[in-house]
Every structure is written in structure tokens, then in C-alpha cells.
N, C-alpha and C. Protein backbone atom coordinates (compact mmCIF):
# COMPACT_ATOMS: atom_id res chain seq x y z
N MET A 1 0.85 -1.17 0.00
CA MET A 1 0.00 0.00 0.00
C MET A 1 0.89 1.24 0.00
N THR A 2 0.71 2.11 -0.98
CA THR A 2 1.52 3.32 -1.07
C THR A 2 0.69 4.52 -0.68
N ALA A 3 1.37 5.49 -0.11
CA ALA A 3 0.69 6.71 0.31
C ALA A 3 0.57 7.66 -0.88
N ASP A 4 -0.55 8.29 -1.00
CA ASP A 4 -0.79 9.24 -2.07
C ASP A 4 -0.27 10.61 -1.62
N PRO A 5 0.76 11.16 -2.30
CA PRO A 5 1.32 12.45 -1.87
C PRO A 5 0.32 13.59 -1.95
N ALA A 6 -0.57 13.56 -2.94
CA ALA A 6 -1.56 14.64 -3.06
C ALA A 6 -2.52 14.62 -1.88
N ARG A 7 -2.87 13.44 -1.43
CA ARG A 7 -3.78 13.32 -0.28
C ARG A 7 -3.12 13.90 0.97
N TRP A 8 -1.86 13.52 1.21
CA TRP A 8 -1.14 14.03 2.39
C TRP A 8 -0.94 15.54 2.30
N LEU A 9 -0.73 16.05 1.09
CA LEU A 9 -0.57 17.49 0.92
C LEU A 9 -1.85 18.22 1.28
N LEU A 10 -3.00 17.70 0.87
CA LEU A 10 -4.28 18.32 1.21
C LEU A 10 -4.56 18.24 2.71
N VAL A 11 -4.25 17.11 3.32
CA VAL A 11 -4.45 16.97 4.76
C VAL A 11 -3.58 17.97 5.51
N THR A 12 -2.31 18.04 5.14
CA THR A 12 -1.38 18.96 5.79
C THR A 12 -1.77 20.41 5.55
N THR A 13 -2.21 20.72 4.34
CA THR A 13 -2.64 22.08 4.03
C THR A 13 -3.83 22.48 4.89
N GLY A 14 -4.77 21.58 5.09
CA GLY A 14 -5.91 21.87 5.95
C GLY A 14 -5.50 22.11 7.39
N ILE A 15 -4.57 21.30 7.88
CA ILE A 15 -4.08 21.47 9.26
C ILE A 15 -3.38 22.81 9.42
N VAL A 16 -2.50 23.13 8.48
CA VAL A 16 -1.74 24.39 8.56
C VAL A 16 -2.67 25.59 8.38
N ALA A 17 -3.60 25.51 7.44
CA ALA A 17 -4.51 26.63 7.20
C ALA A 17 -5.38 26.91 8.42
N ALA A 18 -5.88 25.88 9.06
CA ALA A 18 -6.71 26.07 10.25
C ALA A 18 -5.91 26.73 11.36
N ASN A 19 -4.69 26.28 11.59
CA ASN A 19 -3.89 26.86 12.66
C ASN A 19 -3.42 28.27 12.33
N LEU A 20 -3.12 28.55 11.07
CA LEU A 20 -2.75 29.92 10.69
C LEU A 20 -3.93 30.87 10.82
N LEU A 21 -5.12 30.39 10.48
CA LEU A 21 -6.30 31.23 10.64
C LEU A 21 -6.55 31.55 12.11
N GLY A 22 -6.40 30.56 12.98
CA GLY A 22 -6.55 30.79 14.41
C GLY A 22 -5.51 31.76 14.94
N ALA A 23 -4.27 31.64 14.49
CA ALA A 23 -3.21 32.56 14.91
C ALA A 23 -3.48 33.97 14.40
N ALA A 24 -4.00 34.08 13.18
CA ALA A 24 -4.32 35.41 12.64
C ALA A 24 -5.43 36.08 13.44
N PHE A 25 -6.44 35.34 13.84
CA PHE A 25 -7.50 35.91 14.68
C PHE A 25 -6.95 36.34 16.03
N CYS A 26 -6.09 35.53 16.63
CA CYS A 26 -5.49 35.90 17.92
C CYS A 26 -4.67 37.17 17.79
N LEU A 27 -3.90 37.28 16.73
CA LEU A 27 -3.11 38.48 16.50
C LEU A 27 -4.01 39.69 16.26
N ALA A 28 -5.10 39.50 15.54
CA ALA A 28 -6.03 40.61 15.29
C ALA A 28 -6.66 41.10 16.59
N PHE A 29 -7.05 40.19 17.47
CA PHE A 29 -7.63 40.60 18.75
C PHE A 29 -6.59 41.27 19.64
N PHE A 30 -5.35 40.81 19.59
CA PHE A 30 -4.28 41.45 20.34
C PHE A 30 -4.08 42.89 19.86
N LEU A 31 -4.05 43.07 18.54
CA LEU A 31 -3.88 44.42 17.99
C LEU A 31 -5.09 45.29 18.28
N LEU A 32 -6.27 44.70 18.33
CA LEU A 32 -7.48 45.45 18.66
C LEU A 32 -7.38 46.06 20.05
N PHE A 33 -6.82 45.33 21.00
CA PHE A 33 -6.69 45.85 22.35
C PHE A 33 -5.49 46.78 22.50
N GLN A 34 -4.57 46.78 21.57
CA GLN A 34 -3.44 47.71 21.61
C GLN A 34 -3.78 49.04 20.97
N LEU A 35 -4.81 49.08 20.14
CA LEU A 35 -5.16 50.27 19.38
C LEU A 35 -5.44 51.50 20.23
N PRO A 36 -6.25 51.44 21.29
CA PRO A 36 -6.55 52.66 22.05
C PRO A 36 -5.31 53.29 22.67
N ASP A 37 -4.36 52.50 23.10
CA ASP A 37 -3.15 53.05 23.68
C ASP A 37 -2.28 53.73 22.63
N ARG A 38 -2.23 53.18 21.46
CA ARG A 38 -1.40 53.75 20.40
C ARG A 38 -2.02 55.00 19.80
N VAL A 39 -3.33 55.05 19.72
CA VAL A 39 -4.02 56.20 19.13
C VAL A 39 -4.09 57.34 20.13
N GLY A 40 -4.14 57.02 21.41
CA GLY A 40 -4.21 58.04 22.44
C GLY A 40 -5.63 58.52 22.71
N LEU A 41 -6.57 57.60 22.79
CA LEU A 41 -7.96 57.96 23.08
C LEU A 41 -8.08 58.48 24.51
N GLN A 42 -9.04 59.36 24.71
CA GLN A 42 -9.33 59.86 26.05
C GLN A 42 -9.89 58.72 26.88
N SER A 43 -9.89 58.88 28.19
CA SER A 43 -10.26 57.78 29.07
C SER A 43 -11.70 57.30 28.85
N THR A 44 -12.63 58.23 28.62
CA THR A 44 -14.03 57.82 28.40
C THR A 44 -14.17 57.05 27.09
N ALA A 45 -13.56 57.57 26.04
CA ALA A 45 -13.61 56.88 24.75
C ALA A 45 -12.89 55.54 24.82
N GLN A 46 -11.81 55.51 25.60
CA GLN A 46 -11.06 54.27 25.74
C GLN A 46 -11.89 53.21 26.46
N GLN A 47 -12.65 53.62 27.47
CA GLN A 47 -13.52 52.69 28.19
C GLN A 47 -14.61 52.15 27.26
N TRP A 48 -15.19 53.01 26.44
CA TRP A 48 -16.20 52.57 25.48
C TRP A 48 -15.60 51.59 24.48
N PHE A 49 -14.40 51.91 24.01
CA PHE A 49 -13.74 51.04 23.04
C PHE A 49 -13.46 49.67 23.64
N TYR A 50 -12.92 49.65 24.85
CA TYR A 50 -12.63 48.38 25.51
C TYR A 50 -13.92 47.59 25.78
N GLY A 51 -14.98 48.28 26.17
CA GLY A 51 -16.26 47.61 26.39
C GLY A 51 -16.78 46.96 25.12
N PHE A 52 -16.67 47.70 24.01
CA PHE A 52 -17.09 47.13 22.72
C PHE A 52 -16.21 45.95 22.33
N ALA A 53 -14.91 46.08 22.52
CA ALA A 53 -13.98 45.01 22.14
C ALA A 53 -14.23 43.75 22.95
N VAL A 54 -14.48 43.91 24.25
CA VAL A 54 -14.75 42.74 25.09
C VAL A 54 -16.05 42.06 24.65
N MET A 55 -17.07 42.86 24.31
CA MET A 55 -18.33 42.27 23.85
C MET A 55 -18.15 41.58 22.49
N ALA A 56 -17.21 42.06 21.68
CA ALA A 56 -16.97 41.44 20.38
C ALA A 56 -16.19 40.14 20.52
N ILE A 57 -15.40 40.02 21.58
CA ILE A 57 -14.56 38.84 21.73
C ILE A 57 -15.33 37.63 22.26
N TRP A 58 -16.33 37.83 23.11
CA TRP A 58 -17.03 36.68 23.70
C TRP A 58 -17.63 35.74 22.66
N PRO A 59 -18.32 36.25 21.62
CA PRO A 59 -18.81 35.30 20.61
C PRO A 59 -17.68 34.63 19.84
N SER A 60 -16.53 35.28 19.79
CA SER A 60 -15.39 34.73 19.07
C SER A 60 -14.81 33.51 19.76
N LEU A 61 -15.14 33.32 21.01
CA LEU A 61 -14.69 32.13 21.72
C LEU A 61 -15.21 30.87 21.04
N VAL A 62 -16.36 30.99 20.42
CA VAL A 62 -16.95 29.87 19.68
C VAL A 62 -16.69 30.02 18.18
N LEU A 63 -16.76 31.24 17.67
CA LEU A 63 -16.68 31.45 16.23
C LEU A 63 -15.29 31.24 15.64
N VAL A 64 -14.24 31.58 16.39
CA VAL A 64 -12.88 31.39 15.86
C VAL A 64 -12.56 29.91 15.69
N PRO A 65 -12.80 29.04 16.69
CA PRO A 65 -12.57 27.61 16.42
C PRO A 65 -13.46 27.05 15.31
N MET A 66 -14.68 27.57 15.20
CA MET A 66 -15.54 27.10 14.11
C MET A 66 -14.97 27.53 12.76
N ALA A 67 -14.44 28.75 12.69
CA ALA A 67 -13.82 29.21 11.44
C ALA A 67 -12.59 28.37 11.11
N MET A 68 -11.85 27.97 12.15
CA MET A 68 -10.70 27.09 11.93
C MET A 68 -11.15 25.75 11.36
N GLY A 69 -12.22 25.20 11.90
CA GLY A 69 -12.75 23.93 11.40
C GLY A 69 -13.27 24.04 9.98
N ILE A 70 -13.92 25.14 9.67
CA ILE A 70 -14.42 25.35 8.31
C ILE A 70 -13.25 25.47 7.34
N ALA A 71 -12.18 26.17 7.76
CA ALA A 71 -11.00 26.30 6.90
C ALA A 71 -10.36 24.94 6.63
N ALA A 72 -10.26 24.12 7.66
CA ALA A 72 -9.69 22.78 7.47
C ALA A 72 -10.58 21.95 6.55
N ALA A 73 -11.88 22.01 6.76
CA ALA A 73 -12.81 21.22 5.93
C ALA A 73 -12.80 21.70 4.48
N TYR A 74 -12.52 22.99 4.27
CA TYR A 74 -12.43 23.51 2.90
C TYR A 74 -11.31 22.81 2.13
N PHE A 75 -10.17 22.63 2.77
CA PHE A 75 -9.07 21.96 2.10
C PHE A 75 -9.25 20.45 2.03
N TRP A 76 -10.03 19.91 2.92
CA TRP A 76 -10.26 18.46 2.94
C TRP A 76 -11.46 18.05 2.10
N ARG A 77 -12.14 19.00 1.45
CA ARG A 77 -13.39 18.69 0.76
C ARG A 77 -13.20 17.73 -0.41
N GLY A 78 -12.03 17.74 -1.04
CA GLY A 78 -11.80 16.85 -2.17
C GLY A 78 -11.46 15.43 -1.76
N LEU A 79 -11.22 15.22 -0.49
CA LEU A 79 -10.88 13.89 0.01
C LEU A 79 -12.15 13.18 0.45
N SER A 80 -12.21 11.92 0.21
CA SER A 80 -13.42 11.17 0.62
C SER A 80 -13.22 10.66 2.04
N PHE A 81 -13.34 11.57 2.99
CA PHE A 81 -13.19 11.23 4.41
C PHE A 81 -14.50 10.71 4.97
N SER A 82 -14.39 9.73 5.83
CA SER A 82 -15.55 9.34 6.63
C SER A 82 -15.62 10.28 7.83
N LEU A 83 -16.67 10.16 8.59
CA LEU A 83 -16.81 11.01 9.77
C LEU A 83 -15.67 10.77 10.74
N TRP A 84 -15.24 9.53 10.89
CA TRP A 84 -14.14 9.20 11.81
C TRP A 84 -12.81 9.77 11.34
N GLU A 85 -12.62 9.83 10.03
CA GLU A 85 -11.38 10.43 9.52
C GLU A 85 -11.36 11.93 9.76
N TYR A 86 -12.51 12.58 9.57
CA TYR A 86 -12.58 14.00 9.93
C TYR A 86 -12.27 14.17 11.42
N PHE A 87 -12.82 13.32 12.24
CA PHE A 87 -12.59 13.38 13.68
C PHE A 87 -11.11 13.19 14.01
N LEU A 88 -10.48 12.22 13.39
CA LEU A 88 -9.06 11.95 13.63
C LEU A 88 -8.19 13.13 13.23
N TRP A 89 -8.42 13.67 12.04
CA TRP A 89 -7.59 14.78 11.58
C TRP A 89 -7.87 16.05 12.35
N TRP A 90 -9.09 16.21 12.87
CA TRP A 90 -9.34 17.38 13.72
C TRP A 90 -8.65 17.21 15.07
N ILE A 91 -8.53 15.99 15.57
CA ILE A 91 -7.76 15.76 16.79
C ILE A 91 -6.31 16.21 16.57
N VAL A 92 -5.73 15.82 15.45
CA VAL A 92 -4.35 16.22 15.15
C VAL A 92 -4.25 17.74 15.05
N THR A 93 -5.19 18.36 14.34
CA THR A 93 -5.17 19.81 14.16
C THR A 93 -5.31 20.53 15.49
N SER A 94 -6.24 20.08 16.32
CA SER A 94 -6.47 20.78 17.58
C SER A 94 -5.39 20.49 18.61
N LEU A 95 -4.63 19.43 18.47
CA LEU A 95 -3.50 19.18 19.37
C LEU A 95 -2.29 20.05 19.00
N ILE A 96 -2.18 20.44 17.74
CA ILE A 96 -1.08 21.31 17.32
C ILE A 96 -1.30 22.73 17.83
N SER A 97 -2.53 23.19 17.89
CA SER A 97 -2.83 24.57 18.28
C SER A 97 -2.30 24.95 19.65
N PRO A 98 -2.50 24.16 20.71
CA PRO A 98 -1.96 24.57 22.01
C PRO A 98 -0.43 24.67 22.03
N PHE A 99 0.24 23.81 21.29
CA PHE A 99 1.70 23.91 21.24
C PHE A 99 2.13 25.21 20.57
N GLY A 100 1.43 25.58 19.51
CA GLY A 100 1.72 26.85 18.85
C GLY A 100 1.44 28.04 19.76
N ALA A 101 0.34 27.97 20.51
CA ALA A 101 0.02 29.06 21.43
C ALA A 101 1.03 29.14 22.56
N TYR A 102 1.52 28.00 23.00
CA TYR A 102 2.51 27.99 24.08
C TYR A 102 3.84 28.57 23.61
N PHE A 103 4.29 28.16 22.45
CA PHE A 103 5.61 28.61 21.98
C PHE A 103 5.57 29.99 21.33
N ALA A 104 4.54 30.30 20.56
CA ALA A 104 4.49 31.58 19.84
C ALA A 104 3.96 32.71 20.71
N PHE A 105 2.90 32.44 21.49
CA PHE A 105 2.25 33.50 22.25
C PHE A 105 2.55 33.44 23.74
N LYS A 106 3.36 32.49 24.18
CA LYS A 106 3.74 32.33 25.59
C LYS A 106 2.52 32.16 26.49
N GLU A 107 1.56 31.40 26.00
CA GLU A 107 0.33 31.14 26.75
C GLU A 107 0.61 30.17 27.89
N GLY A 108 -0.12 30.33 28.99
CA GLY A 108 0.08 29.47 30.14
C GLY A 108 -0.58 28.12 29.98
N ALA A 109 -0.06 27.14 30.71
CA ALA A 109 -0.54 25.76 30.59
C ALA A 109 -1.98 25.63 31.07
N VAL A 110 -2.33 26.32 32.15
CA VAL A 110 -3.70 26.21 32.68
C VAL A 110 -4.70 26.78 31.68
N CYS A 111 -4.37 27.90 31.10
CA CYS A 111 -5.26 28.51 30.10
C CYS A 111 -5.42 27.59 28.89
N LEU A 112 -4.34 26.95 28.50
CA LEU A 112 -4.42 26.03 27.37
C LEU A 112 -5.28 24.82 27.68
N LEU A 113 -5.17 24.32 28.90
CA LEU A 113 -6.01 23.18 29.30
C LEU A 113 -7.48 23.56 29.39
N ILE A 114 -7.76 24.78 29.82
CA ILE A 114 -9.14 25.24 29.90
C ILE A 114 -9.71 25.47 28.50
N GLY A 115 -8.90 26.04 27.61
CA GLY A 115 -9.38 26.39 26.28
C GLY A 115 -9.43 25.24 25.29
N PHE A 116 -8.69 24.17 25.55
CA PHE A 116 -8.64 23.07 24.59
C PHE A 116 -10.00 22.42 24.32
N PRO A 117 -10.81 22.12 25.34
CA PRO A 117 -12.12 21.52 25.02
C PRO A 117 -13.01 22.43 24.17
N ILE A 118 -12.91 23.74 24.40
CA ILE A 118 -13.69 24.67 23.58
C ILE A 118 -13.20 24.62 22.14
N LEU A 119 -11.88 24.65 21.98
CA LEU A 119 -11.30 24.57 20.64
C LEU A 119 -11.69 23.28 19.95
N PHE A 120 -11.63 22.18 20.66
CA PHE A 120 -11.90 20.89 20.05
C PHE A 120 -13.36 20.75 19.64
N VAL A 121 -14.27 21.04 20.56
CA VAL A 121 -15.70 20.84 20.28
C VAL A 121 -16.20 21.82 19.22
N CYS A 122 -15.89 23.10 19.40
CA CYS A 122 -16.37 24.10 18.45
C CYS A 122 -15.68 23.94 17.09
N GLY A 123 -14.41 23.55 17.12
CA GLY A 123 -13.70 23.33 15.86
C GLY A 123 -14.25 22.15 15.10
N PHE A 124 -14.57 21.07 15.81
CA PHE A 124 -15.15 19.92 15.13
C PHE A 124 -16.54 20.26 14.59
N ALA A 125 -17.27 21.09 15.31
CA ALA A 125 -18.56 21.56 14.77
C ALA A 125 -18.33 22.35 13.48
N GLY A 126 -17.26 23.14 13.44
CA GLY A 126 -16.91 23.86 12.22
C GLY A 126 -16.52 22.92 11.09
N VAL A 127 -15.81 21.85 11.41
CA VAL A 127 -15.47 20.85 10.39
C VAL A 127 -16.74 20.23 9.82
N LEU A 128 -17.67 19.88 10.70
CA LEU A 128 -18.93 19.28 10.22
C LEU A 128 -19.73 20.27 9.40
N LEU A 129 -19.72 21.53 9.82
CA LEU A 129 -20.41 22.56 9.05
C LEU A 129 -19.72 22.78 7.70
N GLY A 130 -18.39 22.80 7.72
CA GLY A 130 -17.64 22.97 6.48
C GLY A 130 -17.84 21.82 5.50
N ARG A 131 -18.12 20.65 6.03
CA ARG A 131 -18.43 19.49 5.18
C ARG A 131 -19.68 19.73 4.36
N LEU A 132 -20.63 20.44 4.95
CA LEU A 132 -21.91 20.66 4.29
C LEU A 132 -21.87 21.82 3.29
N LEU A 133 -20.92 22.73 3.48
CA LEU A 133 -20.86 23.91 2.60
C LEU A 133 -20.29 23.61 1.25
């Protein structure tokens, strides 16, 4: 039995794309919270801005992992995966994310352990949704 290089390339591309999308969203939210200090907003405007930003981030706790799952499923759409294969490759994808967050963003271990189930469940929901799109 030989491995198909095109299949592995698509699987790897989906894994990398999902993790890069998640990292891009994290960077965007980081820059969003740095903006008021760099622009020099007055304290009242700064409080309003931070209030809006915090309200915008809460839904992203679910939407960012779902977007990651949809991105992975987009690259995996040409492969004839069963539900279990999607599940297996999402396990691999979601296990890579905490390592990247630990090394690139210096995230703490407790935060990663708390966030992993959210990433896994919401991301797999995104994979299933991306399968249908």
C-alpha cells in the first residue's frame, strides 16, 4: 500500500490553514486591544472602546474555532473522508494549536487546558459545518 502524496498534501494544508487562521485571529484581537493606547484615546472613549472590544470577543470564543474547522474542511473537501477520519484529523489539528500558542504567544498551561475543550468541540462543529458547505 503506497501513500498518495496529493492526499497528504491536502491533509497537511488543511491542518496548517486552520492553525494559521486561528493565529491570525489571535493576532487581530491582540492588535485590537493595543489600538486605544497607540491612538491616544481619552479615558471615556477608551472605556467605550474596551467595552465594545470585550463584547466582540465573547462570541469569538466559539466562532474562531468554528472558522478554523471550516478552513480545514475547505481543504479536505476533495478527500473522501468518513466522519471518523474528519474526527481523527481534527484531533491532530487541535492538538497542534496549544503547542503553537505555548511557543508563539507564551500562553500558560492552565489557560491552554481550559481552552482546549472549547477549541476541540467548536472546531469539530466547524469541520462538520464545512463538510456541508
